[in-house]
Structures are given as C-alpha cells and as structure tokens.
Amino acid sequence: MITHTHGNIDIKTLQAEINTSRKTLERAFAHYLGVHPKLYARIVRFNAVKSRLDTNNTSEPLTSAALDYGFYDSSHFTSEFKKFSGVTPKSYLKARG
C-alpha cells in the first residue's frame, strides 16, 4: 500500500486497512525492512518524486511535484529532499543538466 500510494499514506490509515496495531506493524517493518513504517513511507515518497524529476522536463514547477506527492509546501519538500539526497531539488536538477 505504501508503494502503491508513492509513500503518501497515513500510517494510521495503513494500520486500519490491514487491521493491525501500531506496535505489530512497527515490529514487522523492523524485522523485514529494518526501518519503521513512517521512514519507509518517506523513502518511497522521496524515490517517487525523484523519479518524476528525472523523467519530466525541468520546466515543471517543483511546487507542483511536491504537492502531487503530499508535501505540505515547497519548504517541506526541499527539506525532505535534502535529507535523503544531500542536495536541494534545484541543485539536483542543475547537476542533472
């Protein structure tokens, strides 16, 4: 479900959909993936938006991509992107050429 929604799913919604407790979900993620569900969702969302930036032309506003993937605003998007990639989205696009 996390992958299907590109990481844009609330963990409580995920728990309700699969009818499990938060702790059971966290244990399963830790066992099979080594991370908590929320971090996994953030990673999936980052990869999805990065893939979009890689495939779309650079004339698309970054804010559009950010909002489409559930980021609250451009600063939230920039902060998350930098945490996972080490660079801002603009820097990433410039380096890509």
C-alpha atoms as a PDB file:
ATOM      1  CA  MET A   1       0.000   0.000   0.000  1.00  0.00           C
ATOM      2  CA  ILE A   2       2.861   2.365   0.771  1.00  0.00           C
ATOM      3  CA  THR A   3       4.436   1.721  -2.609  1.00  0.00           C
ATOM      4  CA  HIS A   4       1.094   1.958  -4.404  1.00  0.00           C
ATOM      5  CA  THR A   5       0.420   5.397  -2.888  1.00  0.00           C
ATOM      6  CA  HIS A   6       4.014   6.556  -3.516  1.00  0.00           C
ATOM      7  CA  GLY A   7       4.525   6.868   0.219  1.00  0.00           C
ATOM      8  CA  ASN A   8       1.625   9.246   0.593  1.00  0.00           C
ATOM      9  CA  ILE A   9      -0.395   7.288   3.139  1.00  0.00           C
ATOM     10  CA  ASP A  10      -1.002   7.947   6.786  1.00  0.00           C
ATOM     11  CA  ILE A  11       0.348   5.159   8.977  1.00  0.00           C
ATOM     12  CA  LYS A  12      -2.908   5.058  10.963  1.00  0.00           C
ATOM     13  CA  THR A  13      -4.784   4.508   7.714  1.00  0.00           C
ATOM     14  CA  LEU A  14      -2.375   1.709   6.844  1.00  0.00           C
ATOM     15  CA  GLN A  15      -2.947   0.105  10.257  1.00  0.00           C
ATOM     16  CA  ALA A  16      -6.703   0.278   9.794  1.00  0.00           C
ATOM     17  CA  GLU A  17      -6.545  -1.148   6.265  1.00  0.00           C
ATOM     18  CA  ILE A  18      -4.536  -4.189   7.332  1.00  0.00           C
ATOM     19  CA  ASN A  19      -6.256  -4.459  10.731  1.00  0.00           C
ATOM     20  CA  THR A  20      -3.173  -4.450  12.950  1.00  0.00           C
ATOM     21  CA  SER A  21      -1.804  -2.477  15.843  1.00  0.00           C
ATOM     22  CA  ARG A  22       0.898   0.161  15.545  1.00  0.00           C
ATOM     23  CA  LYS A  23       3.354  -1.954  17.508  1.00  0.00           C
ATOM     24  CA  THR A  24       2.761  -5.071  15.392  1.00  0.00           C
ATOM     25  CA  LEU A  25       3.209  -3.034  12.212  1.00  0.00           C
ATOM     26  CA  GLU A  26       6.425  -1.486  13.534  1.00  0.00           C
ATOM     27  CA  ARG A  27       7.816  -4.894  14.538  1.00  0.00           C
ATOM     28  CA  ALA A  28       7.043  -6.364  11.121  1.00  0.00           C
ATOM     29  CA  PHE A  29       8.709  -3.456   9.317  1.00  0.00           C
ATOM     30  CA  ALA A  30      11.725  -3.590  11.607  1.00  0.00           C
ATOM     31  CA  HIS A  31      12.059  -7.337  11.069  1.00  0.00           C
ATOM     32  CA  TYR A  32      11.643  -7.394   7.285  1.00  0.00           C
ATOM     33  CA  LEU A  33      12.945  -3.971   6.222  1.00  0.00           C
ATOM     34  CA  GLY A  34      14.972  -2.706   9.158  1.00  0.00           C
ATOM     35  CA  VAL A  35      13.095   0.605   9.372  1.00  0.00           C
ATOM     36  CA  HIS A  36       9.845   1.905  10.829  1.00  0.00           C
ATOM     37  CA  PRO A  37       6.814   2.267   8.525  1.00  0.00           C
ATOM     38  CA  LYS A  38       6.912   6.069   8.572  1.00  0.00           C
ATOM     39  CA  LEU A  39      10.558   6.188   7.489  1.00  0.00           C
ATOM     40  CA  TYR A  40       9.856   3.630   4.784  1.00  0.00           C
ATOM     41  CA  ALA A  41       6.957   5.768   3.520  1.00  0.00           C
ATOM     42  CA  ARG A  42       9.245   8.830   3.444  1.00  0.00           C
ATOM     43  CA  ILE A  43      11.860   6.896   1.456  1.00  0.00           C
ATOM     44  CA  VAL A  44       9.252   5.652  -1.025  1.00  0.00           C
ATOM     45  CA  ARG A  45       7.868   9.180  -1.429  1.00  0.00           C
ATOM     46  CA  PHE A  46      11.359  10.602  -1.979  1.00  0.00           C
ATOM     47  CA  ASN A  47      12.138   7.964  -4.607  1.00  0.00           C
ATOM     48  CA  ALA A  48       8.824   8.609  -6.367  1.00  0.00           C
ATOM     49  CA  VAL A  49       9.296  12.363  -6.559  1.00  0.00           C
ATOM     50  CA  LYS A  50      12.953  11.958  -7.581  1.00  0.00           C
ATOM     51  CA  SER A  51      11.865   9.614 -10.351  1.00  0.00           C
ATOM     52  CA  ARG A  52       9.361  12.215 -11.518  1.00  0.00           C
ATOM     53  CA  LEU A  53      12.049  14.877 -11.577  1.00  0.00           C
ATOM     54  CA  ASP A  54      14.296  12.516 -13.544  1.00  0.00           C
ATOM     55  CA  THR A  55      11.676  11.764 -16.195  1.00  0.00           C
ATOM     56  CA  ASN A  56       9.866  15.096 -16.540  1.00  0.00           C
ATOM     57  CA  ASN A  57      11.211  18.172 -18.160  1.00  0.00           C
ATOM     58  CA  THR A  58      12.769  20.782 -15.917  1.00  0.00           C
ATOM     59  CA  SER A  59      10.175  23.404 -16.809  1.00  0.00           C
ATOM     60  CA  GLU A  60       7.651  21.823 -14.437  1.00  0.00           C
ATOM     61  CA  PRO A  61       7.414  23.837 -11.225  1.00  0.00           C
ATOM     62  CA  LEU A  62       8.902  21.986  -8.272  1.00  0.00           C
ATOM     63  CA  THR A  63       5.916  23.020  -6.176  1.00  0.00           C
ATOM     64  CA  SER A  64       3.606  21.025  -8.462  1.00  0.00           C
ATOM     65  CA  ALA A  65       5.626  17.858  -7.966  1.00  0.00           C
ATOM     66  CA  ALA A  66       5.825  18.498  -4.232  1.00  0.00           C
ATOM     67  CA  LEU A  67       2.084  18.938  -3.823  1.00  0.00           C
ATOM     68  CA  ASP A  68       1.295  15.937  -6.037  1.00  0.00           C
ATOM     69  CA  TYR A  69       3.323  13.721  -3.697  1.00  0.00           C
ATOM     70  CA  GLY A  70       1.773  15.015  -0.489  1.00  0.00           C
ATOM     71  CA  PHE A  71       4.358  17.507   0.728  1.00  0.00           C
ATOM     72  CA  TYR A  72       2.741  20.368   2.642  1.00  0.00           C
ATOM     73  CA  ASP A  73       4.660  23.112   0.872  1.00  0.00           C
ATOM     74  CA  SER A  74       7.871  23.755  -1.023  1.00  0.00           C
ATOM     75  CA  SER A  75       9.991  24.169   2.121  1.00  0.00           C
ATOM     76  CA  HIS A  76       8.803  20.789   3.442  1.00  0.00           C
ATOM     77  CA  PHE A  77       9.656  19.244   0.075  1.00  0.00           C
ATOM     78  CA  THR A  78      13.076  20.896  -0.061  1.00  0.00           C
ATOM     79  CA  SER A  79      13.889  19.809   3.489  1.00  0.00           C
ATOM     80  CA  GLU A  80      12.900  16.166   2.888  1.00  0.00           C
ATOM     81  CA  PHE A  81      14.654  16.035  -0.476  1.00  0.00           C
ATOM     82  CA  LYS A  82      17.855  17.384   1.055  1.00  0.00           C
ATOM     83  CA  LYS A  83      17.709  14.890   3.958  1.00  0.00           C
ATOM     84  CA  PHE A  84      17.670  11.962   1.563  1.00  0.00           C
ATOM     85  CA  SER A  85      19.859  13.249  -1.261  1.00  0.00           C
ATOM     86  CA  GLY A  86      22.175  15.760   0.373  1.00  0.00           C
ATOM     87  CA  VAL A  87      21.206  18.490  -2.099  1.00  0.00           C
ATOM     88  CA  THR A  88      18.192  20.690  -2.718  1.00  0.00           C
ATOM     89  CA  PRO A  89      15.823  19.804  -5.569  1.00  0.00           C
ATOM     90  CA  LYS A  90      17.025  22.812  -7.579  1.00  0.00           C
ATOM     91  CA  SER A  91      20.653  21.806  -7.118  1.00  0.00           C
ATOM     92  CA  TYR A  92      19.767  18.261  -8.096  1.00  0.00           C
ATOM     93  CA  LEU A  93      18.120  19.421 -11.325  1.00  0.00           C
ATOM     94  CA  LYS A  94      21.020  21.752 -12.159  1.00  0.00           C
ATOM     95  CA  ALA A  95      23.544  18.948 -11.668  1.00  0.00           C
ATOM     96  CA  ARG A  96      21.473  16.693 -13.909  1.00  0.00           C
ATOM     97  CA  GLY A  97      21.726  19.246 -16.665  1.00  0.00           C
END
